[in-house]
Amino acid sequence: MSDTPSTPPSQAQLDRFAEGFNQSLTLRHFGARMSFPEGRKVVVALPEVKPEHRGGLGTSAVNGGILAALFDLAIGCTPALRDPTKRCATIQLSMSFERPATGDSLQVEATVDHGGPSTVFASARLLDSEGRVCARCQGVVRVSSQPWANGDSPATN
C-alpha cells in the first residue's frame, strides 16, 4: 500500500508551499520564483538574469552552476505535486546542456515521470526567454514519511 495521498493536493496547498520558498532569503537573493501552474508541474522562473548569473563558456551565457541550481530546485520539489507535507531531497541529477542559455530570463518546467511512496523520478527542461530548450534534466528525489519541520514548506529564512 502506498502512503501517497489518494487525492492530489489543492492548488492552495501548492501555492503555500511555493510561497514559503519565494519568501526565503535564498530565492530572494537568487532572484528565482517558484509556482505550480494548475497543480501539474513545478515552474522555477528566473525573470531577470543578473550579471552574476552569467559566465558560462567564458561568455555572457548563464553559468552551468546556475542552471544546475534551478534544476535542483525544480526537480527536488516535484514530490509536492503528490504530497507537499512530506520532507524530500534530491538524490540524483543528470543534466544535458543543448545550447548556451542566453537572454534576459529563464524558466525551468519539471514534472513527475514515475514514483512510489519513497522515490520520485522526474524530468525537467530549461527554456530561454525565447522559449527555446537550452538544457534538460532527469532526477531522483527521496521522499520521507516525516513532515516538514515548519509544516507547509521546506524553505527556511
Protein backbone atom coordinates (compact mmCIF):
# COMPACT_ATOMS: atom_id res chain seq x y z
CA MET A 1 0.00 0.00 0.00
CA SER A 2 1.28 3.46 -0.88
CA ASP A 3 1.48 6.29 1.61
CA THR A 4 0.92 8.80 -1.22
CA PRO A 5 -2.40 10.58 -0.69
CA SER A 6 -5.19 9.28 -2.93
CA THR A 7 -6.27 12.81 -3.78
CA PRO A 8 -3.85 15.37 -5.19
CA PRO A 9 -3.00 18.41 -3.10
CA SER A 10 -5.13 21.50 -3.58
CA GLN A 11 -3.83 24.48 -5.52
CA ALA A 12 -3.93 26.43 -2.24
CA GLN A 13 -1.57 23.89 -0.60
CA LEU A 14 0.83 24.09 -3.53
CA ASP A 15 0.68 27.89 -3.53
CA ARG A 16 1.57 27.96 0.21
CA PHE A 17 4.46 25.57 -0.44
CA ALA A 18 5.78 27.77 -3.27
CA GLU A 19 5.33 30.97 -1.29
CA GLY A 20 7.49 29.55 1.51
CA PHE A 21 10.30 29.20 -0.99
CA ASN A 22 9.61 32.53 -2.68
CA GLN A 23 9.89 34.35 0.66
CA SER A 24 13.12 32.57 1.62
CA LEU A 25 16.34 34.57 1.69
CA THR A 26 17.93 32.13 -0.74
CA LEU A 27 15.38 32.55 -3.54
CA ARG A 28 15.01 36.29 -2.97
CA HIS A 29 18.81 36.70 -3.24
CA PHE A 30 19.00 34.38 -6.25
CA GLY A 31 16.08 36.15 -7.93
CA ALA A 32 14.08 32.99 -8.69
CA ARG A 33 10.36 32.34 -8.18
CA MET A 34 8.56 29.00 -7.88
CA SER A 35 5.00 28.12 -8.85
CA PHE A 36 2.79 25.11 -9.55
CA PRO A 37 0.62 26.08 -12.56
CA GLU A 38 -2.64 24.13 -12.47
CA GLY A 39 -1.03 21.73 -9.98
CA ARG A 40 0.55 19.72 -12.80
CA LYS A 41 4.16 20.88 -12.90
CA VAL A 42 6.79 22.80 -10.99
CA VAL A 43 7.93 26.02 -12.63
CA VAL A 44 11.02 27.85 -11.43
CA ALA A 45 11.43 31.18 -13.15
CA LEU A 46 14.45 33.45 -13.19
CA PRO A 47 12.71 36.57 -14.50
CA GLU A 48 15.89 38.63 -14.55
CA VAL A 49 19.23 37.08 -15.45
CA LYS A 50 21.78 39.15 -13.49
CA PRO A 51 25.44 39.71 -14.32
CA GLU A 52 26.45 37.33 -11.51
CA HIS A 53 24.45 34.54 -13.19
CA ARG A 54 26.49 34.83 -16.39
CA GLY A 55 29.88 33.47 -17.37
CA GLY A 56 29.12 30.12 -18.97
CA LEU A 57 31.56 29.14 -21.72
CA GLY A 58 33.55 32.29 -20.89
CA THR A 59 30.73 34.31 -22.49
CA SER A 60 27.59 36.10 -21.39
CA ALA A 61 25.68 32.78 -21.34
CA VAL A 62 24.26 31.72 -17.98
CA ASN A 63 26.76 29.66 -15.97
CA GLY A 64 26.10 25.91 -15.70
CA GLY A 65 26.15 26.10 -11.91
CA ILE A 66 23.18 28.45 -12.02
CA LEU A 67 21.36 26.08 -14.37
CA ALA A 68 22.11 23.16 -12.03
CA ALA A 69 20.69 25.10 -9.08
CA LEU A 70 17.48 25.86 -10.98
CA PHE A 71 17.14 22.20 -11.99
CA ASP A 72 17.81 21.00 -8.43
CA LEU A 73 15.07 23.25 -7.04
CA ALA A 74 12.52 22.28 -9.68
CA ILE A 75 13.23 18.52 -9.65
CA GLY A 76 13.56 18.48 -5.86
CA CYS A 77 10.09 19.98 -5.43
CA THR A 78 8.21 17.62 -7.77
CA PRO A 79 7.08 15.37 -4.88
CA ALA A 80 4.98 18.30 -3.67
CA LEU A 81 2.73 17.64 -6.67
CA ARG A 82 1.74 14.45 -4.84
CA ASP A 83 2.08 15.49 -1.19
CA PRO A 84 3.55 18.85 -0.17
CA THR A 85 3.59 17.90 3.52
CA LYS A 86 6.40 15.31 3.28
CA ARG A 87 10.11 16.02 3.51
CA CYS A 88 12.06 15.30 0.35
CA ALA A 89 15.54 15.75 -1.07
CA THR A 90 17.14 15.41 -4.48
CA ILE A 91 19.43 12.38 -4.54
CA GLN A 92 20.45 12.35 -8.21
CA LEU A 93 20.54 14.81 -11.13
CA SER A 94 21.59 14.19 -14.70
CA MET A 95 21.77 17.23 -16.96
CA SER A 96 22.23 17.68 -20.69
CA PHE A 97 23.22 21.11 -21.94
CA GLU A 98 21.97 21.51 -25.51
CA ARG A 99 22.71 25.17 -26.26
CA PRO A 100 24.01 28.18 -24.35
CA ALA A 101 21.33 29.72 -22.14
CA THR A 102 21.27 33.34 -23.18
CA GLY A 103 18.74 36.13 -22.93
CA ASP A 104 17.29 38.07 -20.05
CA SER A 105 15.13 35.40 -18.37
CA LEU A 106 14.97 31.63 -17.89
CA GLN A 107 12.33 29.13 -16.87
CA VAL A 108 12.53 25.51 -15.74
CA GLU A 109 9.50 23.25 -16.01
CA ALA A 110 9.55 19.94 -14.11
CA THR A 111 7.09 17.05 -13.96
CA VAL A 112 6.84 13.70 -12.22
CA ASP A 113 7.60 10.80 -14.55
CA HIS A 114 7.00 7.97 -12.08
CA GLY A 115 7.14 7.39 -8.38
CA GLY A 116 6.26 5.38 -5.37
CA PRO A 117 5.88 6.22 -1.71
CA SER A 118 9.59 6.91 -1.11
CA THR A 119 11.11 7.77 -4.50
CA VAL A 120 10.04 10.10 -7.31
CA PHE A 121 11.58 10.13 -10.78
CA ALA A 122 11.20 13.50 -12.51
CA SER A 123 12.30 15.33 -15.62
CA ALA A 124 12.69 18.99 -16.48
CA ARG A 125 13.61 21.33 -19.28
CA LEU A 126 15.14 24.77 -19.18
CA LEU A 127 13.80 27.41 -21.57
CA ASP A 128 15.40 30.72 -22.52
CA SER A 129 13.46 33.97 -22.92
CA GLU A 130 12.53 32.97 -26.48
CA GLY A 131 11.11 29.63 -25.39
CA ARG A 132 13.99 27.57 -26.78
CA VAL A 133 15.03 24.46 -24.84
CA CYS A 134 18.62 25.01 -23.68
CA ALA A 135 19.01 22.09 -21.27
CA ARG A 136 17.22 19.02 -19.95
CA CYS A 137 17.43 17.19 -16.66
CA GLN A 138 16.34 13.94 -15.10
CA GLY A 139 16.43 13.41 -11.39
CA VAL A 140 15.50 11.20 -8.49
CA VAL A 141 14.04 12.55 -5.26
CA ARG A 142 13.78 10.69 -1.95
CA VAL A 143 10.52 11.25 -0.09
CA SER A 144 10.44 10.84 3.68
CA SER A 145 7.50 9.80 5.82
CA GLN A 146 8.36 12.76 8.07
CA PRO A 147 6.57 16.09 7.65
CA TRP A 148 8.45 19.34 7.11
CA ALA A 149 9.61 20.89 10.38
CA ASN A 150 7.64 24.11 9.80
CA GLY A 151 4.55 22.45 8.35
CA ASP A 152 3.94 23.98 4.93
CA SER A 153 7.35 24.24 3.24
CA PRO A 154 10.95 23.14 3.46
CA ALA A 155 12.11 26.70 2.88
CA THR A 156 13.84 28.40 5.77
CA ASN A 157 14.68 32.06 6.16
